[in-house]
C-alpha cells in the first residue's frame, strides 16, 4: 500500500511547461503514487504525456495512473460549466479508485499552467475592451472557476475533521510581470497580478482547512511561448534583451524550473499566498 498518494491536476499539460511539470512531479515529488488529471486543448498531446509519465514511473519507483481531459478551451466561457464538469468527473473517478484500492490520497494539487500572452505589439492605450474581455475570460475568469471548483470539491471530499492530515495546494504559474510592470505587457501583467492576489486571498480564507497556495514565476523559459514573445513584442529594448538571452543560451531550461517548483511543493516550507521566482534562493 502506498503511503504518499497525490492527486495532481495540471492545466495546459499537453506540451511545454505543463508537460515538464508533470514529468518533474513523477521524478522529484517524493510521492509513492500520483493520480494525474491532465487538462488541455490537444487530446493526442495529453495522451502522449500520460504515456511518458507511466514510462518514467518505473525508473522512479512511483505508481502513476490518471486521466486526460482533452479538447478543453478555457477561453470559451460558454463551455466553462461543461469543461469544469468534465475535469471534476475525472477527479471523482480517481478518488473512487483510490478509495477502492485502499491507497488514500493525502495531497490534492491544482497547478494552473494554462494561459496566454495577449497582443504584445500593443501598448495599453491601443488595447480594446473586447480584447480585454476575451483575455480576462481565459486568464482570470477560467482561473477563478478552476480554483473555486477544486476547493469546493476537495474540501467536501476530505473534510478536516475526518482527514486532518490531508493537504490541499493551489499553484498559479505566475510571472515577474505580476509584481513589476514592463511596457507592452498590459493584459498579461494584469492577468498575472489578479491571479496572484486571488491566491493570496484564498490562502487567508482557507488556512484553517490545510489549504496552501503558491504563485510560482518560472523565469524566461526556453520554449514556444518565449519564441512568440521574441516575434511579437513591440518594445525594442526588451526585445534586444530576450534575443540576447536566446542567442547566448541564458533562457531558463523548462525542466530545471519545473524541478524547482516540485521541490518547493515537496519541502512545503513556502509562505502560503506568496510569490516565488525561479531566481529566488
C-alpha atoms as a PDB file:
ATOM      1  CA  UNK A   1       0.000   0.000   0.000  1.00  0.00           C
ATOM      2  CA  UNK A   2       1.383   3.404  -0.998  1.00  0.00           C
ATOM      3  CA  UNK A   3       1.648   5.819   1.894  1.00  0.00           C
ATOM      4  CA  UNK A   4       2.050   9.076  -0.052  1.00  0.00           C
ATOM      5  CA  UNK A   5      -0.588   9.255  -2.779  1.00  0.00           C
ATOM      6  CA  UNK A   6      -1.013  12.612  -4.535  1.00  0.00           C
ATOM      7  CA  UNK A   7      -3.823  13.722  -6.841  1.00  0.00           C
ATOM      8  CA  UNK A   8      -2.462  16.314  -9.284  1.00  0.00           C
ATOM      9  CA  UNK A   9      -4.452  18.371 -11.789  1.00  0.00           C
ATOM     10  CA  UNK A  10      -2.401  20.263 -14.388  1.00  0.00           C
ATOM     11  CA  UNK A  11      -3.896  22.603 -16.986  1.00  0.00           C
ATOM     12  CA  UNK A  12      -2.110  23.229 -20.265  1.00  0.00           C
ATOM     13  CA  UNK A  13      -0.444  19.854 -19.789  1.00  0.00           C
ATOM     14  CA  UNK A  14      -0.224  18.680 -23.382  1.00  0.00           C
ATOM     15  CA  UNK A  15       3.102  20.414 -24.090  1.00  0.00           C
ATOM     16  CA  UNK A  16       5.666  22.924 -22.857  1.00  0.00           C
ATOM     17  CA  UNK A  17       5.960  23.806 -19.206  1.00  0.00           C
ATOM     18  CA  UNK A  18       2.798  21.936 -18.203  1.00  0.00           C
ATOM     19  CA  UNK A  19       4.196  18.678 -19.555  1.00  0.00           C
ATOM     20  CA  UNK A  20       7.548  19.420 -17.908  1.00  0.00           C
ATOM     21  CA  UNK A  21       5.863  19.942 -14.525  1.00  0.00           C
ATOM     22  CA  UNK A  22       4.137  16.567 -14.859  1.00  0.00           C
ATOM     23  CA  UNK A  23       7.447  14.857 -15.623  1.00  0.00           C
ATOM     24  CA  UNK A  24       9.162  16.565 -12.696  1.00  0.00           C
ATOM     25  CA  UNK A  25       6.343  15.617 -10.340  1.00  0.00           C
ATOM     26  CA  UNK A  26       6.963  11.940 -11.041  1.00  0.00           C
ATOM     27  CA  UNK A  27      10.730  12.302 -10.700  1.00  0.00           C
ATOM     28  CA  UNK A  28      11.074  14.699  -7.757  1.00  0.00           C
ATOM     29  CA  UNK A  29       7.903  14.949  -5.635  1.00  0.00           C
ATOM     30  CA  UNK A  30       8.721  12.052  -3.331  1.00  0.00           C
ATOM     31  CA  UNK A  31       5.224  10.649  -3.816  1.00  0.00           C
ATOM     32  CA  UNK A  32       4.749   6.885  -3.843  1.00  0.00           C
ATOM     33  CA  UNK A  33       1.755   7.195  -6.150  1.00  0.00           C
ATOM     34  CA  UNK A  34       0.425  10.001  -8.330  1.00  0.00           C
ATOM     35  CA  UNK A  35      -3.008  10.177  -9.922  1.00  0.00           C
ATOM     36  CA  UNK A  36      -2.901  12.802 -12.670  1.00  0.00           C
ATOM     37  CA  UNK A  37      -5.686  14.726 -14.334  1.00  0.00           C
ATOM     38  CA  UNK A  38      -4.075  16.273 -17.405  1.00  0.00           C
ATOM     39  CA  UNK A  39      -6.127  19.067 -18.978  1.00  0.00           C
ATOM     40  CA  UNK A  40      -5.548  20.759 -22.314  1.00  0.00           C
ATOM     41  CA  UNK A  41      -6.732  21.503 -25.816  1.00  0.00           C
ATOM     42  CA  UNK A  42      -4.830  18.758 -27.637  1.00  0.00           C
ATOM     43  CA  UNK A  43      -6.031  15.327 -26.533  1.00  0.00           C
ATOM     44  CA  UNK A  44      -3.389  13.458 -28.519  1.00  0.00           C
ATOM     45  CA  UNK A  45      -0.702  15.538 -26.819  1.00  0.00           C
ATOM     46  CA  UNK A  46      -2.173  14.777 -23.401  1.00  0.00           C
ATOM     47  CA  UNK A  47      -2.256  11.040 -24.134  1.00  0.00           C
ATOM     48  CA  UNK A  48       1.384  11.192 -25.204  1.00  0.00           C
ATOM     49  CA  UNK A  49       2.360  12.944 -21.972  1.00  0.00           C
ATOM     50  CA  UNK A  50       0.449  10.354 -19.919  1.00  0.00           C
ATOM     51  CA  UNK A  51       2.306   7.565 -21.717  1.00  0.00           C
ATOM     52  CA  UNK A  52       5.618   9.291 -20.957  1.00  0.00           C
ATOM     53  CA  UNK A  53       4.688   9.606 -17.279  1.00  0.00           C
ATOM     54  CA  UNK A  54       3.926   5.902 -16.998  1.00  0.00           C
ATOM     55  CA  UNK A  55       7.246   5.028 -18.607  1.00  0.00           C
ATOM     56  CA  UNK A  56       9.030   7.466 -16.298  1.00  0.00           C
ATOM     57  CA  UNK A  57       7.346   5.986 -13.229  1.00  0.00           C
ATOM     58  CA  UNK A  58       9.174   2.666 -13.488  1.00  0.00           C
ATOM     59  CA  UNK A  59      12.583   4.276 -13.065  1.00  0.00           C
ATOM     60  CA  UNK A  60      11.417   6.386 -10.127  1.00  0.00           C
ATOM     61  CA  UNK A  61       9.537   3.692  -8.173  1.00  0.00           C
ATOM     62  CA  UNK A  62       6.280   5.654  -8.417  1.00  0.00           C
ATOM     63  CA  UNK A  63       2.846   4.284  -9.259  1.00  0.00           C
ATOM     64  CA  UNK A  64       1.311   6.545 -11.929  1.00  0.00           C
ATOM     65  CA  UNK A  65      -2.219   6.478 -13.187  1.00  0.00           C
ATOM     66  CA  UNK A  66      -4.584   9.128 -14.374  1.00  0.00           C
ATOM     67  CA  UNK A  67      -6.971  10.596 -16.854  1.00  0.00           C
ATOM     68  CA  UNK A  68      -6.790  13.105 -19.686  1.00  0.00           C
ATOM     69  CA  UNK A  69      -9.427  15.764 -20.282  1.00  0.00           C
ATOM     70  CA  UNK A  70      -8.810  16.969 -23.807  1.00  0.00           C
ATOM     71  CA  UNK A  71     -10.411  19.456 -26.180  1.00  0.00           C
ATOM     72  CA  UNK A  72     -10.709  21.929 -23.312  1.00  0.00           C
ATOM     73  CA  UNK A  73     -10.623  25.569 -24.410  1.00  0.00           C
ATOM     74  CA  UNK A  74     -10.589  27.631 -21.230  1.00  0.00           C
ATOM     75  CA  UNK A  75     -11.074  30.781 -23.302  1.00  0.00           C
ATOM     76  CA  UNK A  76     -14.609  29.623 -24.192  1.00  0.00           C
ATOM     77  CA  UNK A  77     -16.700  30.760 -21.230  1.00  0.00           C
ATOM     78  CA  UNK A  78     -19.868  29.366 -22.824  1.00  0.00           C
ATOM     79  CA  UNK A  79     -18.350  25.901 -22.362  1.00  0.00           C
ATOM     80  CA  UNK A  80     -16.930  26.641 -18.906  1.00  0.00           C
ATOM     81  CA  UNK A  81     -19.502  24.704 -16.873  1.00  0.00           C
ATOM     82  CA  UNK A  82     -19.229  21.696 -19.159  1.00  0.00           C
ATOM     83  CA  UNK A  83     -15.434  21.705 -19.095  1.00  0.00           C
ATOM     84  CA  UNK A  84     -15.288  22.144 -15.322  1.00  0.00           C
ATOM     85  CA  UNK A  85     -17.740  19.259 -15.044  1.00  0.00           C
ATOM     86  CA  UNK A  86     -15.548  17.024 -17.197  1.00  0.00           C
ATOM     87  CA  UNK A  87     -12.498  17.829 -15.079  1.00  0.00           C
ATOM     88  CA  UNK A  88     -14.460  17.202 -11.906  1.00  0.00           C
ATOM     89  CA  UNK A  89     -15.746  13.857 -13.195  1.00  0.00           C
ATOM     90  CA  UNK A  90     -12.164  12.718 -13.830  1.00  0.00           C
ATOM     91  CA  UNK A  91     -11.157  13.785 -10.312  1.00  0.00           C
ATOM     92  CA  UNK A  92     -14.092  11.970  -8.702  1.00  0.00           C
ATOM     93  CA  UNK A  93     -13.282   8.772 -10.592  1.00  0.00           C
ATOM     94  CA  UNK A  94      -9.647   8.814  -9.450  1.00  0.00           C
ATOM     95  CA  UNK A  95     -10.721   9.427  -5.860  1.00  0.00           C
ATOM     96  CA  UNK A  96     -13.102   6.493  -6.094  1.00  0.00           C
ATOM     97  CA  UNK A  97     -10.389   4.212  -7.457  1.00  0.00           C
ATOM     98  CA  UNK A  98      -8.020   5.320  -4.689  1.00  0.00           C
ATOM     99  CA  UNK A  99     -10.596   4.511  -2.017  1.00  0.00           C
ATOM    100  CA  UNK A 100     -11.343   1.118  -3.546  1.00  0.00           C
ATOM    101  CA  UNK A 101      -7.652   0.222  -3.659  1.00  0.00           C
ATOM    102  CA  UNK A 102      -7.112   1.419  -0.043  1.00  0.00           C
ATOM    103  CA  UNK A 103      -4.473   3.837  -1.353  1.00  0.00           C
ATOM    104  CA  UNK A 104      -5.757   7.010   0.231  1.00  0.00           C
ATOM    105  CA  UNK A 105      -4.984  10.392  -1.291  1.00  0.00           C
ATOM    106  CA  UNK A 106      -3.037  12.526   1.187  1.00  0.00           C
ATOM    107  CA  UNK A 107      -2.411  15.577  -1.001  1.00  0.00           C
ATOM    108  CA  UNK A 108      -4.530  17.226  -3.702  1.00  0.00           C
ATOM    109  CA  UNK A 109      -2.794  19.711  -6.002  1.00  0.00           C
ATOM    110  CA  UNK A 110      -4.127  22.031  -8.705  1.00  0.00           C
ATOM    111  CA  UNK A 111      -1.441  23.531 -10.962  1.00  0.00           C
ATOM    112  CA  UNK A 112      -2.851  26.322 -13.122  1.00  0.00           C
ATOM    113  CA  UNK A 113      -0.441  26.486 -16.039  1.00  0.00           C
ATOM    114  CA  UNK A 114      -2.754  27.358 -18.938  1.00  0.00           C
ATOM    115  CA  UNK A 115      -2.585  30.959 -20.104  1.00  0.00           C
ATOM    116  CA  UNK A 116      -1.847  33.292 -22.991  1.00  0.00           C
ATOM    117  CA  UNK A 117       0.378  36.287 -23.736  1.00  0.00           C
ATOM    118  CA  UNK A 118      -2.076  38.754 -25.224  1.00  0.00           C
ATOM    119  CA  UNK A 119      -1.061  41.088 -28.041  1.00  0.00           C
ATOM    120  CA  UNK A 120       2.453  42.249 -27.106  1.00  0.00           C
ATOM    121  CA  UNK A 121       2.695  44.579 -30.094  1.00  0.00           C
ATOM    122  CA  UNK A 122       0.226  46.985 -28.446  1.00  0.00           C
ATOM    123  CA  UNK A 123       0.609  49.487 -25.644  1.00  0.00           C
ATOM    124  CA  UNK A 124      -2.193  49.844 -23.086  1.00  0.00           C
ATOM    125  CA  UNK A 125      -3.840  52.747 -24.910  1.00  0.00           C
ATOM    126  CA  UNK A 126      -4.182  50.594 -28.035  1.00  0.00           C
ATOM    127  CA  UNK A 127      -5.911  47.651 -26.354  1.00  0.00           C
ATOM    128  CA  UNK A 128      -9.671  47.435 -26.937  1.00  0.00           C
ATOM    129  CA  UNK A 129     -12.203  46.465 -24.323  1.00  0.00           C
ATOM    130  CA  UNK A 130     -13.205  43.497 -26.494  1.00  0.00           C
ATOM    131  CA  UNK A 131      -9.628  42.184 -26.425  1.00  0.00           C
ATOM    132  CA  UNK A 132      -9.516  42.783 -22.699  1.00  0.00           C
ATOM    133  CA  UNK A 133     -12.705  40.856 -22.028  1.00  0.00           C
ATOM    134  CA  UNK A 134     -11.576  37.893 -24.132  1.00  0.00           C
ATOM    135  CA  UNK A 135      -8.161  37.890 -22.472  1.00  0.00           C
ATOM    136  CA  UNK A 136      -9.532  38.022 -18.940  1.00  0.00           C
ATOM    137  CA  UNK A 137     -12.125  35.329 -19.698  1.00  0.00           C
ATOM    138  CA  UNK A 138      -9.293  32.933 -20.493  1.00  0.00           C
ATOM    139  CA  UNK A 139      -6.666  34.012 -17.991  1.00  0.00           C
ATOM    140  CA  UNK A 140      -8.699  35.140 -14.972  1.00  0.00           C
ATOM    141  CA  UNK A 141     -12.354  34.036 -15.207  1.00  0.00           C
ATOM    142  CA  UNK A 142     -11.485  30.418 -16.021  1.00  0.00           C
ATOM    143  CA  UNK A 143      -8.789  30.506 -13.335  1.00  0.00           C
ATOM    144  CA  UNK A 144     -11.337  31.560 -10.705  1.00  0.00           C
ATOM    145  CA  UNK A 145     -13.690  28.805 -11.876  1.00  0.00           C
ATOM    146  CA  UNK A 146     -10.972  26.164 -11.669  1.00  0.00           C
ATOM    147  CA  UNK A 147      -9.869  27.268  -8.204  1.00  0.00           C
ATOM    148  CA  UNK A 148     -13.354  27.513  -6.706  1.00  0.00           C
ATOM    149  CA  UNK A 149     -14.483  24.183  -8.165  1.00  0.00           C
ATOM    150  CA  UNK A 150     -11.323  22.466  -6.968  1.00  0.00           C
ATOM    151  CA  UNK A 151     -11.613  23.904  -3.467  1.00  0.00           C
ATOM    152  CA  UNK A 152     -15.287  23.038  -3.010  1.00  0.00           C
ATOM    153  CA  UNK A 153     -14.804  19.513  -4.307  1.00  0.00           C
ATOM    154  CA  UNK A 154     -11.618  18.785  -2.365  1.00  0.00           C
ATOM    155  CA  UNK A 155     -12.804  20.165   0.960  1.00  0.00           C
ATOM    156  CA  UNK A 156     -16.061  18.227   0.661  1.00  0.00           C
ATOM    157  CA  UNK A 157     -14.211  15.012  -0.205  1.00  0.00           C
ATOM    158  CA  UNK A 158     -11.604  15.448   2.555  1.00  0.00           C
ATOM    159  CA  UNK A 159     -13.174  17.354   5.464  1.00  0.00           C
ATOM    160  CA  UNK A 160     -10.576  18.347   8.024  1.00  0.00           C
ATOM    161  CA  UNK A 161     -12.426  16.613  10.855  1.00  0.00           C
ATOM    162  CA  UNK A 162     -12.189  13.275   9.062  1.00  0.00           C
ATOM    163  CA  UNK A 163      -8.905  13.780   7.200  1.00  0.00           C
ATOM    164  CA  UNK A 164      -6.786  16.054   9.409  1.00  0.00           C
ATOM    165  CA  UNK A 165      -3.550  15.223   7.563  1.00  0.00           C
ATOM    166  CA  UNK A 166      -4.817  15.795   4.029  1.00  0.00           C
ATOM    167  CA  UNK A 167      -3.155  18.754   2.290  1.00  0.00           C
ATOM    168  CA  UNK A 168      -4.638  20.893  -0.457  1.00  0.00           C
ATOM    169  CA  UNK A 169      -2.430  23.065  -2.675  1.00  0.00           C
ATOM    170  CA  UNK A 170      -3.213  25.501  -5.495  1.00  0.00           C
ATOM    171  CA  UNK A 171      -0.377  26.730  -7.713  1.00  0.00           C
ATOM    172  CA  UNK A 172      -0.524  29.507 -10.271  1.00  0.00           C
ATOM    173  CA  UNK A 173       2.226  29.672 -12.874  1.00  0.00           C
ATOM    174  CA  UNK A 174       2.919  33.360 -12.443  1.00  0.00           C
ATOM    175  CA  UNK A 175       5.476  35.849 -13.744  1.00  0.00           C
ATOM    176  CA  UNK A 176       7.716  38.718 -12.733  1.00  0.00           C
ATOM    177  CA  UNK A 177       5.086  40.810 -14.563  1.00  0.00           C
ATOM    178  CA  UNK A 178       2.675  40.122 -11.683  1.00  0.00           C
ATOM    179  CA  UNK A 179       4.802  42.281  -9.392  1.00  0.00           C
ATOM    180  CA  UNK A 180       6.780  44.522 -11.778  1.00  0.00           C
ATOM    181  CA  UNK A 181       5.410  46.343 -14.861  1.00  0.00           C
ATOM    182  CA  UNK A 182       7.057  46.382 -18.282  1.00  0.00           C
ATOM    183  CA  UNK A 183       5.933  48.150 -21.450  1.00  0.00           C
ATOM    184  CA  UNK A 184       3.581  46.293 -23.841  1.00  0.00           C
ATOM    185  CA  UNK A 185       2.577  43.652 -21.287  1.00  0.00           C
ATOM    186  CA  UNK A 186      -0.612  45.337 -20.032  1.00  0.00           C
ATOM    187  CA  UNK A 187      -3.064  42.425 -20.314  1.00  0.00           C
ATOM    188  CA  UNK A 188      -0.540  39.776 -19.349  1.00  0.00           C
ATOM    189  CA  UNK A 189       0.595  41.735 -16.292  1.00  0.00           C
ATOM    190  CA  UNK A 190      -2.979  42.483 -15.230  1.00  0.00           C
ATOM    191  CA  UNK A 191      -3.962  38.834 -15.530  1.00  0.00           C
ATOM    192  CA  UNK A 192      -0.978  37.521 -13.593  1.00  0.00           C
ATOM    193  CA  UNK A 193      -1.401  40.150 -10.863  1.00  0.00           C
ATOM    194  CA  UNK A 194      -5.083  39.227 -10.486  1.00  0.00           C
ATOM    195  CA  UNK A 195      -4.242  35.543 -10.179  1.00  0.00           C
ATOM    196  CA  UNK A 196      -1.525  36.266  -7.606  1.00  0.00           C
ATOM    197  CA  UNK A 197      -3.876  38.312  -5.485  1.00  0.00           C
ATOM    198  CA  UNK A 198      -6.679  35.749  -5.679  1.00  0.00           C
ATOM    199  CA  UNK A 199      -4.377  33.059  -4.312  1.00  0.00           C
ATOM    200  CA  UNK A 200      -3.346  35.451  -1.558  1.00  0.00           C
ATOM    201  CA  UNK A 201      -6.992  35.770  -0.534  1.00  0.00           C
ATOM    202  CA  UNK A 202      -7.560  32.013  -0.704  1.00  0.00           C
ATOM    203  CA  UNK A 203      -4.500  31.462   1.483  1.00  0.00           C
ATOM    204  CA  UNK A 204      -6.103  33.598   4.206  1.00  0.00           C
ATOM    205  CA  UNK A 205      -9.604  32.212   3.840  1.00  0.00           C
ATOM    206  CA  UNK A 206      -8.699  28.525   3.736  1.00  0.00           C
ATOM    207  CA  UNK A 207      -5.743  28.332   6.106  1.00  0.00           C
ATOM    208  CA  UNK A 208      -7.899  26.553   8.748  1.00  0.00           C
ATOM    209  CA  UNK A 209      -8.630  23.850   6.160  1.00  0.00           C
ATOM    210  CA  UNK A 210      -4.984  22.908   5.492  1.00  0.00           C
ATOM    211  CA  UNK A 211      -5.012  24.758   2.149  1.00  0.00           C
ATOM    212  CA  UNK A 212      -1.863  26.460   0.837  1.00  0.00           C
ATOM    213  CA  UNK A 213      -1.362  28.484  -2.325  1.00  0.00           C
ATOM    214  CA  UNK A 214       1.736  29.400  -4.292  1.00  0.00           C
ATOM    215  CA  UNK A 215       2.408  31.824  -7.145  1.00  0.00           C
ATOM    216  CA  UNK A 216       5.475  30.492  -8.953  1.00  0.00           C
ATOM    217  CA  UNK A 217       7.243  32.557 -11.616  1.00  0.00           C
ATOM    218  CA  UNK A 218       9.258  30.071 -13.698  1.00  0.00           C
ATOM    219  CA  UNK A 219      11.583  32.617 -15.305  1.00  0.00           C
ATOM    220  CA  UNK A 220      12.010  33.380 -19.025  1.00  0.00           C
ATOM    221  CA  UNK A 221      11.672  29.823 -20.282  1.00  0.00           C
ATOM    222  CA  UNK A 222      13.294  28.442 -23.394  1.00  0.00           C
ATOM    223  CA  UNK A 223      10.033  27.361 -25.018  1.00  0.00           C
ATOM    224  CA  UNK A 224       7.491  28.174 -27.726  1.00  0.00           C
ATOM    225  CA  UNK A 225       5.858  30.961 -25.721  1.00  0.00           C
ATOM    226  CA  UNK A 226       9.192  32.750 -25.358  1.00  0.00           C
ATOM    227  CA  UNK A 227       9.696  32.399 -29.105  1.00  0.00           C
ATOM    228  CA  UNK A 228       6.305  34.083 -29.554  1.00  0.00           C
ATOM    229  CA  UNK A 229       7.497  36.920 -27.293  1.00  0.00           C
ATOM    230  CA  UNK A 230      10.547  37.466 -29.478  1.00  0.00           C
ATOM    231  CA  UNK A 231       8.384  37.506 -32.604  1.00  0.00           C
ATOM    232  CA  UNK A 232       5.699  39.895 -31.360  1.00  0.00           C
ATOM    233  CA  UNK A 233       6.982  42.138 -28.551  1.00  0.00           C
ATOM    234  CA  UNK A 234       6.712  45.805 -29.501  1.00  0.00           C
ATOM    235  CA  UNK A 235       9.264  47.146 -27.004  1.00  0.00           C
ATOM    236  CA  UNK A 236      12.674  47.188 -28.728  1.00  0.00           C
ATOM    237  CA  UNK A 237      14.755  47.392 -25.550  1.00  0.00           C
ATOM    238  CA  UNK A 238      13.157  44.283 -24.060  1.00  0.00           C
ATOM    239  CA  UNK A 239      13.308  42.545 -27.433  1.00  0.00           C
ATOM    240  CA  UNK A 240      17.067  43.023 -27.572  1.00  0.00           C
ATOM    241  CA  UNK A 241      17.393  41.510 -24.088  1.00  0.00           C
ATOM    242  CA  UNK A 242      15.327  38.423 -24.972  1.00  0.00           C
ATOM    243  CA  UNK A 243      17.103  37.971 -28.305  1.00  0.00           C
ATOM    244  CA  UNK A 244      20.423  38.142 -26.476  1.00  0.00           C
ATOM    245  CA  UNK A 245      19.317  35.591 -23.891  1.00  0.00           C
ATOM    246  CA  UNK A 246      18.177  33.268 -26.647  1.00  0.00           C
ATOM    247  CA  UNK A 247      21.430  33.579 -28.585  1.00  0.00           C
ATOM    248  CA  UNK A 248      23.721  33.110 -25.587  1.00  0.00           C
ATOM    249  CA  UNK A 249      21.703  30.249 -24.089  1.00  0.00           C
ATOM    250  CA  UNK A 250      20.705  32.001 -20.877  1.00  0.00           C
ATOM    251  CA  UNK A 251      16.964  31.374 -21.129  1.00  0.00           C
ATOM    252  CA  UNK A 252      15.728  29.091 -18.363  1.00  0.00           C
ATOM    253  CA  UNK A 253      15.544  25.374 -19.090  1.00  0.00           C
ATOM    254  CA  UNK A 254      11.961  24.212 -18.557  1.00  0.00           C
ATOM    255  CA  UNK A 255      12.926  21.046 -16.710  1.00  0.00           C
ATOM    256  CA  UNK A 256      15.182  22.944 -14.301  1.00  0.00           C
ATOM    257  CA  UNK A 257      12.383  25.360 -13.483  1.00  0.00           C
ATOM    258  CA  UNK A 258       9.707  22.684 -13.117  1.00  0.00           C
ATOM    259  CA  UNK A 259      12.056  20.723 -10.853  1.00  0.00           C
ATOM    260  CA  UNK A 260      12.406  23.761  -8.590  1.00  0.00           C
ATOM    261  CA  UNK A 261       8.616  24.106  -8.404  1.00  0.00           C
ATOM    262  CA  UNK A 262       8.099  20.457  -7.491  1.00  0.00           C
ATOM    263  CA  UNK A 263      10.817  20.592  -4.839  1.00  0.00           C
ATOM    264  CA  UNK A 264       9.148  23.671  -3.334  1.00  0.00           C
ATOM    265  CA  UNK A 265       5.922  21.681  -3.085  1.00  0.00           C
ATOM    266  CA  UNK A 266       7.755  18.686  -1.635  1.00  0.00           C
ATOM    267  CA  UNK A 267       9.543  20.680   1.080  1.00  0.00           C
ATOM    268  CA  UNK A 268       6.324  22.587   1.849  1.00  0.00           C
ATOM    269  CA  UNK A 269       8.159  25.458   3.532  1.00  0.00           C
ATOM    270  CA  UNK A 270       6.875  28.281   1.309  1.00  0.00           C
ATOM    271  CA  UNK A 271       4.688  31.034   2.732  1.00  0.00           C
ATOM    272  CA  UNK A 272       1.135  30.398   1.587  1.00  0.00           C
ATOM    273  CA  UNK A 273      -0.167  33.043  -0.786  1.00  0.00           C
ATOM    274  CA  UNK A 274       3.322  34.243  -1.633  1.00  0.00           C
ATOM    275  CA  UNK A 275       5.178  34.796  -4.894  1.00  0.00           C
ATOM    276  CA  UNK A 276       8.385  32.844  -5.594  1.00  0.00           C
ATOM    277  CA  UNK A 277      10.566  33.358  -8.662  1.00  0.00           C
ATOM    278  CA  UNK A 278      12.875  30.764 -10.235  1.00  0.00           C
ATOM    279  CA  UNK A 279      15.793  33.078  -9.483  1.00  0.00           C
ATOM    280  CA  UNK A 280      14.941  33.360  -5.777  1.00  0.00           C
ATOM    281  CA  UNK A 281      17.227  31.414  -3.483  1.00  0.00           C
END
